[in-house]
Amino acid sequence: MTRVALLGPPGAGKGTLAKRMIETWGFTHLSTGDILRDEVARGTDLGVAAKGAMDAGELVSDDIIIGMIRGRIESANKGYLLDGFPRTVAQAEALETISELEAVISISLSRDEVVRRLTARRVCSQCGKIFNLAFQPPANPGVCDACGGKLIQRDDDKEDVIQNRYDVYASSTAPLIDFYRKRGLLHEVDGSEGSGKAFEAVAGLLG
């Protein structure tokens, strides 16, 4: 299978799982979160339009996301892994006009665990390395192990924003589970057992 989408609430471990999948199967990684943050950092028109919604934990408009994804899918010669897209049924329907998925992997995680994980996340302001104060802390508090840079908490990792992000996921993205289940594409994975177990489940599916 070379056309795969990864679903799940924020903090479910999609990024970690995606990295291992890419290393194992050579997918082109299409992460809307990473792409949007890059656009924001570079101050592009897309980044300016998206920043307000991202800072509030809300979804960027379908038109912006779909236009951005289309070109990247068309250039993914060895298959792709969608991470953070589609997030709504409308996006899923639009995707069907661009490319047909072969599998959709949904990672489940409770609200309480999402909040616990994300409020503890810290990012290096210099190299971007990610730490978690709960289960992957730096050797020295507030300092990046890799480059010595200052660790910061992203605006979208603060509790009020996380709660809102989870609400947005539940209302807008969770209906995708039924959408893809009806199409026979959905495969559900328990995210509470950690990335290792999740990868084992995915490996059993993709082979």
Protein backbone atom coordinates (compact mmCIF):
# COMPACT_ATOMS: atom_id res chain seq x y z
CA MET A 1 0.00 0.00 0.00
CA THR A 2 1.50 3.32 -1.05
CA ARG A 3 -1.30 5.84 -0.51
CA VAL A 4 -2.04 6.06 3.19
CA ALA A 5 -3.65 8.63 5.53
CA LEU A 6 -3.01 8.89 9.26
CA LEU A 7 -5.78 10.16 11.56
CA GLY A 8 -5.90 10.87 15.29
CA PRO A 9 -6.26 13.66 17.84
CA PRO A 10 -3.36 16.02 18.62
CA GLY A 11 -0.75 14.28 20.76
CA ALA A 12 -1.71 10.78 19.62
CA GLY A 13 1.78 10.11 18.28
CA LYS A 14 1.09 10.58 14.59
CA GLY A 15 4.43 12.31 13.98
CA THR A 16 6.50 9.57 15.63
CA LEU A 17 4.57 6.83 13.85
CA ALA A 18 4.83 8.65 10.54
CA LYS A 19 8.62 8.92 10.85
CA ARG A 20 8.99 5.17 11.32
CA MET A 21 6.61 4.45 8.45
CA ILE A 22 8.58 6.73 6.14
CA GLU A 23 11.90 5.11 7.13
CA THR A 24 10.44 1.64 6.58
CA TRP A 25 8.41 2.09 3.38
CA GLY A 26 9.84 5.24 1.77
CA PHE A 27 6.63 7.25 1.67
CA THR A 28 6.65 10.95 0.88
CA HIS A 29 5.57 12.51 4.17
CA LEU A 30 2.85 15.11 3.70
CA SER A 31 2.32 16.69 7.13
CA THR A 32 0.02 19.67 6.96
CA GLY A 33 1.16 20.83 10.40
CA ASP A 34 4.83 20.93 9.36
CA ILE A 35 4.03 22.55 6.02
CA LEU A 36 1.86 25.22 7.61
CA ARG A 37 4.41 26.01 10.34
CA ASP A 38 7.05 26.42 7.64
CA GLU A 39 4.78 28.79 5.73
CA VAL A 40 4.14 30.80 8.92
CA ALA A 41 7.86 30.99 9.72
CA ARG A 42 8.64 32.25 6.20
CA GLY A 43 5.77 34.75 6.28
CA THR A 44 4.19 33.60 3.03
CA ASP A 45 0.64 34.55 2.05
CA LEU A 46 -0.50 31.07 3.09
CA GLY A 47 1.31 31.40 6.41
CA VAL A 48 -0.28 34.75 7.21
CA ALA A 49 -3.74 33.38 6.38
CA ALA A 50 -3.20 30.26 8.48
CA LYS A 51 -1.50 31.73 11.57
CA GLY A 52 -4.58 33.10 13.27
CA ALA A 53 -6.44 29.79 13.06
CA MET A 54 -3.41 27.74 14.15
CA ASP A 55 -2.71 29.92 17.21
CA ALA A 56 -6.33 29.50 18.31
CA GLY A 57 -6.25 25.73 17.76
CA GLU A 58 -8.77 25.95 14.94
CA LEU A 59 -8.73 24.41 11.47
CA VAL A 60 -7.26 26.25 8.51
CA SER A 61 -9.83 26.64 5.71
CA ASP A 62 -10.38 23.72 3.34
CA ASP A 63 -9.55 25.80 0.27
CA ILE A 64 -6.07 26.66 1.56
CA ILE A 65 -5.28 23.11 2.66
CA ILE A 66 -6.63 21.36 -0.44
CA GLY A 67 -4.80 23.68 -2.81
CA MET A 68 -1.58 23.09 -0.91
CA ILE A 69 -1.94 19.30 -0.79
CA ARG A 70 -2.88 18.83 -4.44
CA GLY A 71 0.51 19.71 -5.88
CA ARG A 72 2.41 17.70 -3.30
CA ILE A 73 0.36 14.57 -3.96
CA GLU A 74 0.91 14.91 -7.69
CA SER A 75 4.69 15.01 -7.18
CA ALA A 76 4.83 12.03 -4.73
CA ASN A 77 6.11 9.41 -7.18
CA LYS A 78 6.75 6.66 -4.60
CA GLY A 79 3.48 7.02 -2.74
CA TYR A 80 2.60 9.25 0.18
CA LEU A 81 1.63 9.32 3.82
CA LEU A 82 -0.90 12.03 4.66
CA ASP A 83 -0.46 13.30 8.24
CA GLY A 84 -3.06 15.85 9.36
CA PHE A 85 -5.13 15.65 6.18
CA PRO A 86 -7.97 15.13 5.56
CA ARG A 87 -9.47 16.59 8.73
CA THR A 88 -13.08 16.94 7.61
CA VAL A 89 -15.47 14.93 5.47
CA ALA A 90 -15.44 17.79 2.97
CA GLN A 91 -11.65 17.48 2.67
CA ALA A 92 -11.96 13.70 2.29
CA GLU A 93 -14.46 14.12 -0.52
CA ALA A 94 -12.15 16.65 -2.21
CA LEU A 95 -9.22 14.24 -1.82
CA GLU A 96 -11.15 11.55 -3.69
CA THR A 97 -11.12 13.81 -6.75
CA ILE A 98 -7.31 14.10 -6.52
CA SER A 99 -6.16 10.63 -5.45
CA GLU A 100 -7.60 7.37 -4.09
CA LEU A 101 -6.36 6.20 -0.69
CA GLU A 102 -5.50 2.55 -0.09
CA ALA A 103 -5.63 2.63 3.73
CA VAL A 104 -6.60 4.99 6.54
CA ILE A 105 -5.01 4.42 9.95
CA SER A 106 -6.82 5.99 12.91
CA ILE A 107 -4.95 6.34 16.22
CA SER A 108 -7.23 6.65 19.27
CA LEU A 109 -6.31 8.56 22.46
CA SER A 110 -8.42 9.99 25.29
CA ARG A 111 -8.81 13.72 25.97
CA ASP A 112 -7.05 13.47 29.35
CA GLU A 113 -4.03 11.75 27.83
CA VAL A 114 -3.89 14.27 24.98
CA VAL A 115 -3.77 17.15 27.49
CA ARG A 116 -1.15 15.38 29.66
CA ARG A 117 1.13 14.72 26.72
CA LEU A 118 0.92 18.06 24.95
CA THR A 119 1.19 20.41 27.94
CA ALA A 120 4.48 18.64 28.73
CA ARG A 121 5.89 19.06 25.21
CA ARG A 122 8.83 21.43 24.66
CA VAL A 123 10.60 22.39 21.42
CA CYS A 124 14.14 23.67 20.92
CA SER A 125 14.03 27.27 19.70
CA GLN A 126 17.20 26.70 17.65
CA CYS A 127 17.17 23.20 16.10
CA GLY A 128 13.51 22.22 16.53
CA LYS A 129 14.19 19.00 18.48
CA ILE A 130 11.14 17.94 20.52
CA PHE A 131 11.18 16.84 24.16
CA ASN A 132 8.45 15.82 26.59
CA LEU A 133 8.79 16.65 30.29
CA ALA A 134 6.60 13.66 31.21
CA PHE A 135 8.42 10.82 29.43
CA GLN A 136 11.32 12.23 27.34
CA PRO A 137 12.81 15.13 29.34
CA PRO A 138 16.10 16.88 28.46
CA ALA A 139 19.19 16.07 30.51
CA ASN A 140 19.27 19.69 31.74
CA PRO A 141 15.94 21.46 32.40
CA GLY A 142 15.08 23.99 29.70
CA VAL A 143 18.13 23.17 27.56
CA CYS A 144 18.24 21.16 24.32
CA ASP A 145 20.43 18.04 24.52
CA ALA A 146 21.34 18.33 20.84
CA CYS A 147 22.45 21.95 20.44
CA GLY A 148 22.13 23.67 23.82
CA GLY A 149 19.31 25.89 22.62
CA LYS A 150 16.48 27.15 24.83
CA LEU A 151 13.41 24.91 25.09
CA ILE A 152 10.07 26.63 24.63
CA GLN A 153 6.39 25.71 24.79
CA ARG A 154 4.59 26.35 21.52
CA ASP A 155 1.46 28.48 21.72
CA ASP A 156 -0.63 25.58 20.45
CA ASP A 157 0.64 23.35 23.30
CA LYS A 158 -0.95 25.43 26.07
CA GLU A 159 -3.86 23.76 27.87
CA ASP A 160 -6.69 26.05 26.76
CA VAL A 161 -5.63 25.72 23.13
CA ILE A 162 -5.21 21.94 23.48
CA GLN A 163 -8.72 21.60 24.88
CA ASN A 164 -10.05 23.58 21.94
CA ARG A 165 -7.99 21.54 19.47
CA TYR A 166 -9.47 18.35 20.88
CA ASP A 167 -13.00 19.76 20.60
CA VAL A 168 -12.31 20.74 16.99
CA TYR A 169 -11.00 17.24 16.30
CA ALA A 170 -14.00 15.56 17.91
CA SER A 171 -16.56 17.64 16.02
CA SER A 172 -14.86 17.95 12.64
CA THR A 173 -12.42 15.08 12.21
CA ALA A 174 -13.93 12.16 14.11
CA PRO A 175 -16.76 11.82 11.51
CA LEU A 176 -14.02 10.76 9.09
CA ILE A 177 -13.80 7.49 11.00
CA ASP A 178 -17.31 6.55 9.87
CA PHE A 179 -16.65 7.96 6.39
CA TYR A 180 -13.66 5.69 5.84
CA ARG A 181 -15.12 2.72 7.70
CA LYS A 182 -18.00 2.67 5.23
CA ARG A 183 -15.46 2.60 2.39
CA GLY A 184 -13.63 -0.35 3.92
CA LEU A 185 -10.39 1.64 4.31
CA LEU A 186 -10.27 2.21 8.08
CA HIS A 187 -7.80 0.46 10.41
CA GLU A 188 -7.91 1.50 14.09
CA VAL A 189 -4.84 1.56 16.38
CA ASP A 190 -4.72 2.16 20.17
CA GLY A 191 -2.40 5.12 20.79
CA SER A 192 -2.33 4.73 24.58
CA GLU A 193 0.18 1.86 24.43
CA GLY A 194 2.94 3.96 22.88
CA SER A 195 4.54 4.36 19.47
CA GLY A 196 6.20 0.94 19.48
CA LYS A 197 2.93 -0.98 19.76
CA ALA A 198 1.27 1.34 17.25
CA PHE A 199 4.03 0.69 14.71
CA GLU A 200 3.75 -3.07 15.21
CA ALA A 201 0.04 -2.86 14.42
CA VAL A 202 0.69 -0.77 11.30
CA ALA A 203 3.48 -3.09 10.15
CA GLY A 204 1.09 -6.00 10.38
CA LEU A 205 -1.25 -4.11 8.07
CA LEU A 206 1.21 -2.76 5.50
CA GLY A 207 3.61 -5.68 5.56
